[in-house]
N, C-alpha and C. Protein backbone atom coordinates (compact mmCIF):
# COMPACT_ATOMS: atom_id res chain seq x y z
N MET A 1 -11.61 74.77 -48.42
CA MET A 1 -12.33 73.94 -48.78
C MET A 1 -11.30 73.05 -47.88
N SER A 2 -11.32 72.02 -47.11
CA SER A 2 -10.21 71.31 -46.38
C SER A 2 -10.38 70.20 -47.31
N ILE A 3 -9.43 69.07 -47.14
CA ILE A 3 -9.96 68.10 -47.99
C ILE A 3 -11.08 66.99 -47.54
N ARG A 4 -10.23 66.93 -46.13
CA ARG A 4 -10.97 66.16 -45.23
C ARG A 4 -13.15 66.40 -45.61
N ARG A 5 -13.02 67.57 -45.73
CA ARG A 5 -15.08 68.22 -45.38
C ARG A 5 -14.87 67.58 -47.18
N LYS A 6 -14.16 68.20 -48.18
CA LYS A 6 -14.23 67.77 -49.53
C LYS A 6 -14.46 65.97 -49.22
N LEU A 7 -13.79 65.51 -49.25
CA LEU A 7 -13.95 63.97 -49.27
C LEU A 7 -15.24 63.05 -48.50
N PHE A 8 -15.95 63.89 -47.60
CA PHE A 8 -17.48 64.04 -47.03
C PHE A 8 -18.61 64.47 -46.96
N SER A 9 -18.18 65.24 -48.12
CA SER A 9 -19.21 65.57 -49.22
C SER A 9 -20.51 65.51 -49.80
N ARG A 10 -21.51 65.93 -48.90
CA ARG A 10 -23.21 64.81 -50.02
C ARG A 10 -22.39 64.85 -51.34
N GLN A 11 -22.35 65.61 -51.77
CA GLN A 11 -21.75 66.03 -53.63
C GLN A 11 -21.05 65.19 -54.12
N PHE A 12 -19.68 64.86 -53.18
CA PHE A 12 -18.84 63.86 -53.55
C PHE A 12 -19.16 62.45 -52.80
N ILE A 13 -19.67 62.44 -52.55
CA ILE A 13 -20.68 60.93 -52.00
C ILE A 13 -21.35 60.44 -53.14
N ILE A 14 -22.57 61.03 -53.40
CA ILE A 14 -23.27 60.71 -54.80
C ILE A 14 -22.22 60.78 -56.08
N LYS A 15 -21.97 62.14 -56.22
CA LYS A 15 -20.47 61.57 -57.36
C LYS A 15 -19.77 59.79 -57.49
N GLY A 16 -19.33 59.77 -56.16
CA GLY A 16 -18.51 58.31 -55.96
C GLY A 16 -20.02 57.15 -56.08
N LEU A 17 -20.66 57.31 -56.05
CA LEU A 17 -21.62 55.80 -55.53
C LEU A 17 -22.31 56.39 -57.47
N LYS A 18 -22.37 57.45 -57.99
CA LYS A 18 -22.92 57.10 -59.39
C LYS A 18 -21.37 56.39 -60.68
N PHE A 19 -20.62 57.10 -60.09
CA PHE A 19 -19.10 56.71 -60.82
C PHE A 19 -19.46 54.66 -60.86
N ALA A 20 -19.25 54.37 -59.29
CA ALA A 20 -19.30 53.47 -59.06
C ALA A 20 -20.68 52.11 -59.55
N SER A 21 -21.74 52.55 -59.18
CA SER A 21 -23.08 52.15 -60.33
C SER A 21 -22.54 51.94 -61.76
N ILE A 22 -22.04 53.08 -62.28
CA ILE A 22 -21.63 53.24 -63.54
C ILE A 22 -20.94 51.71 -63.98
N GLY A 23 -19.52 51.55 -62.93
CA GLY A 23 -18.70 50.67 -62.67
C GLY A 23 -18.98 49.10 -63.14
N ALA A 24 -20.10 49.28 -62.09
CA ALA A 24 -21.00 47.60 -61.52
C ALA A 24 -21.22 47.60 -62.88
N LEU A 25 -22.41 48.56 -63.39
CA LEU A 25 -23.12 47.93 -64.93
C LEU A 25 -22.00 47.40 -65.85
N GLY A 26 -21.12 48.18 -65.74
CA GLY A 26 -20.50 48.04 -66.97
C GLY A 26 -19.50 46.55 -66.84
N THR A 27 -19.32 45.82 -65.57
CA THR A 27 -18.56 45.35 -65.59
C THR A 27 -19.58 43.99 -65.19
N VAL A 28 -21.04 43.82 -64.96
CA VAL A 28 -21.78 43.18 -65.75
C VAL A 28 -22.57 42.38 -66.92
N LEU A 29 -22.42 44.12 -67.65
CA LEU A 29 -22.52 44.16 -69.06
C LEU A 29 -21.39 43.34 -69.42
N ASN A 30 -20.10 43.31 -69.29
CA ASN A 30 -19.11 42.47 -69.63
C ASN A 30 -19.31 41.33 -69.52
N LEU A 31 -19.60 40.71 -68.25
CA LEU A 31 -19.28 39.60 -68.27
C LEU A 31 -20.88 38.73 -69.14
N ALA A 32 -21.99 39.53 -69.37
CA ALA A 32 -22.84 39.16 -70.21
C ALA A 32 -22.94 39.07 -71.78
N ILE A 33 -21.60 39.75 -71.72
CA ILE A 33 -21.45 39.91 -73.41
C ILE A 33 -20.45 38.84 -74.04
N LEU A 34 -20.09 38.46 -72.41
CA LEU A 34 -18.33 37.66 -72.99
C LEU A 34 -19.19 36.00 -72.60
N TYR A 35 -20.44 35.48 -71.86
CA TYR A 35 -21.11 34.80 -71.86
C TYR A 35 -21.69 34.71 -72.86
N THR A 36 -22.53 35.41 -73.92
CA THR A 36 -23.37 35.18 -74.37
C THR A 36 -22.35 35.17 -76.05
N LEU A 37 -21.36 35.71 -76.58
CA LEU A 37 -20.36 35.69 -77.18
C LEU A 37 -19.60 33.94 -76.89
N THR A 38 -19.28 33.63 -76.38
CA THR A 38 -18.53 32.43 -76.21
C THR A 38 -19.22 30.57 -76.10
N ASP A 39 -20.53 31.19 -75.22
CA ASP A 39 -21.69 30.49 -75.20
C ASP A 39 -22.63 29.76 -76.19
N TYR A 40 -22.73 30.90 -77.01
CA TYR A 40 -24.39 30.22 -77.72
C TYR A 40 -23.55 31.34 -79.21
N GLY A 41 -22.38 32.22 -79.53
CA GLY A 41 -22.14 32.87 -80.47
C GLY A 41 -20.72 31.68 -81.09
N HIS A 42 -20.32 31.12 -79.56
CA HIS A 42 -19.21 30.15 -80.55
C HIS A 42 -18.46 30.79 -81.44
N ILE A 43 -17.86 31.67 -80.05
CA ILE A 43 -16.80 33.16 -80.56
C ILE A 43 -15.46 32.47 -79.52
N TYR A 44 -13.79 32.23 -80.25
CA TYR A 44 -13.18 32.23 -78.97
C TYR A 44 -12.77 33.20 -78.07
N TYR A 45 -13.11 33.01 -76.81
CA TYR A 45 -13.28 33.79 -75.59
C TYR A 45 -11.89 35.09 -76.26
N ILE A 46 -10.74 35.09 -76.11
CA ILE A 46 -10.60 36.01 -76.11
C ILE A 46 -10.90 36.74 -76.60
N PHE A 47 -11.46 37.01 -78.31
CA PHE A 47 -12.15 37.44 -79.48
C PHE A 47 -13.51 38.04 -78.33
N SER A 48 -13.96 37.34 -77.75
CA SER A 48 -15.05 37.85 -77.02
C SER A 48 -15.42 38.67 -76.19
N GLU A 49 -13.57 38.70 -75.49
CA GLU A 49 -13.21 39.88 -74.42
C GLU A 49 -12.94 40.83 -75.14
N LEU A 50 -12.50 41.04 -75.80
CA LEU A 50 -11.93 42.44 -77.02
C LEU A 50 -13.33 42.80 -77.40
N VAL A 51 -14.74 41.60 -77.96
CA VAL A 51 -15.46 43.08 -78.41
C VAL A 51 -15.92 43.52 -76.86
N ALA A 52 -16.23 42.67 -76.14
CA ALA A 52 -16.55 43.31 -74.28
C ALA A 52 -15.74 44.20 -74.17
N ILE A 53 -14.53 44.48 -74.01
CA ILE A 53 -14.11 45.22 -73.54
C ILE A 53 -14.43 46.12 -73.68
N VAL A 54 -14.36 46.57 -75.85
CA VAL A 54 -14.88 47.58 -76.59
C VAL A 54 -15.96 48.39 -75.84
N ILE A 55 -16.94 47.42 -76.02
CA ILE A 55 -18.87 47.78 -76.10
C ILE A 55 -18.47 48.42 -74.17
N VAL A 56 -18.01 47.99 -73.71
CA VAL A 56 -17.88 48.22 -72.31
C VAL A 56 -17.69 49.18 -71.89
N PHE A 57 -16.37 49.59 -72.78
CA PHE A 57 -15.48 51.03 -72.97
C PHE A 57 -16.66 52.27 -72.94
N VAL A 58 -17.24 52.23 -74.05
CA VAL A 58 -17.84 53.14 -75.07
C VAL A 58 -19.44 53.43 -73.47
N PHE A 59 -20.03 51.91 -72.95
CA PHE A 59 -20.65 52.19 -72.29
C PHE A 59 -21.09 52.46 -71.22
N ASN A 60 -19.51 52.74 -70.15
CA ASN A 60 -18.77 52.96 -69.00
C ASN A 60 -18.47 54.92 -69.66
N TYR A 61 -17.76 55.46 -71.09
CA TYR A 61 -17.79 56.26 -70.99
C TYR A 61 -19.22 57.48 -71.55
N VAL A 62 -20.40 57.21 -72.08
CA VAL A 62 -21.05 57.74 -71.62
C VAL A 62 -22.29 57.44 -71.01
N GLY A 63 -22.10 56.22 -69.94
CA GLY A 63 -23.07 56.34 -69.31
C GLY A 63 -22.86 57.29 -68.12
N ASN A 64 -21.16 57.41 -67.83
CA ASN A 64 -20.36 58.59 -66.87
C ASN A 64 -21.05 59.91 -67.73
N ILE A 65 -21.07 59.91 -69.16
CA ILE A 65 -21.09 61.64 -69.44
C ILE A 65 -22.59 61.76 -69.00
N ALA A 66 -23.79 60.81 -69.24
CA ALA A 66 -24.85 60.92 -69.00
C ALA A 66 -25.16 61.55 -67.64
N VAL A 67 -24.80 60.56 -66.52
CA VAL A 67 -25.35 60.85 -64.73
C VAL A 67 -24.24 62.42 -64.95
N GLY A 68 -23.13 62.77 -65.66
CA GLY A 68 -22.94 64.51 -65.75
C GLY A 68 -21.96 63.63 -64.23
N ASN A 69 -20.62 62.30 -64.53
CA ASN A 69 -19.37 62.70 -63.98
C ASN A 69 -18.32 63.15 -64.76
N ILE A 70 -18.72 63.45 -66.27
CA ILE A 70 -17.58 63.87 -67.30
C ILE A 70 -18.32 64.84 -67.49
N LYS A 71 -17.51 66.31 -67.89
CA LYS A 71 -18.07 67.32 -68.44
C LYS A 71 -17.77 67.58 -69.40
N ILE A 72 -18.33 67.62 -70.99
CA ILE A 72 -17.67 67.91 -72.40
C ILE A 72 -17.92 69.41 -72.91
N GLU A 73 -16.92 70.30 -73.10
CA GLU A 73 -16.92 71.15 -73.67
C GLU A 73 -17.23 71.11 -74.81
N SER A 74 -18.10 72.39 -75.00
CA SER A 74 -18.34 72.48 -76.67
C SER A 74 -17.10 73.91 -76.92
N GLU A 75 -16.87 73.57 -78.67
CA GLU A 75 -16.76 74.53 -78.64
C GLU A 75 -16.95 75.92 -78.84
N GLY A 76 -17.91 76.11 -78.78
CA GLY A 76 -18.44 77.39 -78.78
C GLY A 76 -17.86 78.00 -77.57
N ALA A 77 -18.10 77.34 -76.03
CA ALA A 77 -17.39 77.43 -74.74
C ALA A 77 -16.33 78.13 -74.32
N THR A 78 -15.45 77.54 -75.46
CA THR A 78 -13.93 77.80 -74.92
C THR A 78 -13.84 79.80 -74.95
N GLN A 79 -12.65 79.82 -74.51
CA GLN A 79 -12.54 81.35 -74.86
C GLN A 79 -11.65 81.81 -75.32
N THR A 80 -11.44 82.95 -76.40
CA THR A 80 -10.86 83.21 -77.42
C THR A 80 -9.83 84.69 -76.56
N ARG A 81 -8.51 84.83 -77.16
CA ARG A 81 -7.75 85.84 -76.34
C ARG A 81 -7.91 87.03 -77.44
N GLU A 82 -8.34 88.27 -76.89
CA GLU A 82 -7.66 88.97 -78.43
C GLU A 82 -6.46 88.98 -78.77
N PRO A 83 -5.84 89.11 -79.98
CA PRO A 83 -4.67 88.89 -80.19
C PRO A 83 -3.79 91.05 -79.76
N ALA A 84 -2.32 90.43 -78.69
CA ALA A 84 -1.70 91.66 -78.56
C ALA A 84 -1.84 92.51 -79.39
N ALA A 85 -1.95 94.00 -78.94
CA ALA A 85 -1.52 95.26 -79.94
C ALA A 85 -0.53 95.58 -80.07
N HIS A 86 0.18 95.29 -81.40
CA HIS A 86 1.53 95.55 -80.88
C HIS A 86 2.18 97.11 -81.07
N ASP A 87 2.84 97.88 -80.84
CA ASP A 87 3.50 99.46 -80.98
C ASP A 87 4.47 99.19 -81.77
């Protein structure tokens, strides 16, 4: 399949939109956490941002797994090779 067809395929566009929507939600969540911790929690903004970054990093990772953008292989799914027979 050519690169042009792959880039404009329906599946690729849907996957990209899912990825972008998780990223947008992460940005909104980051700003909400930063604002809440800084203004209402009276925490220094750099520490608030560090907390927000960690939370949003986990949110984005789990969110992309949930929508199928990231696939995790289980240990049972790995293929094992038979040891080579030595004569």
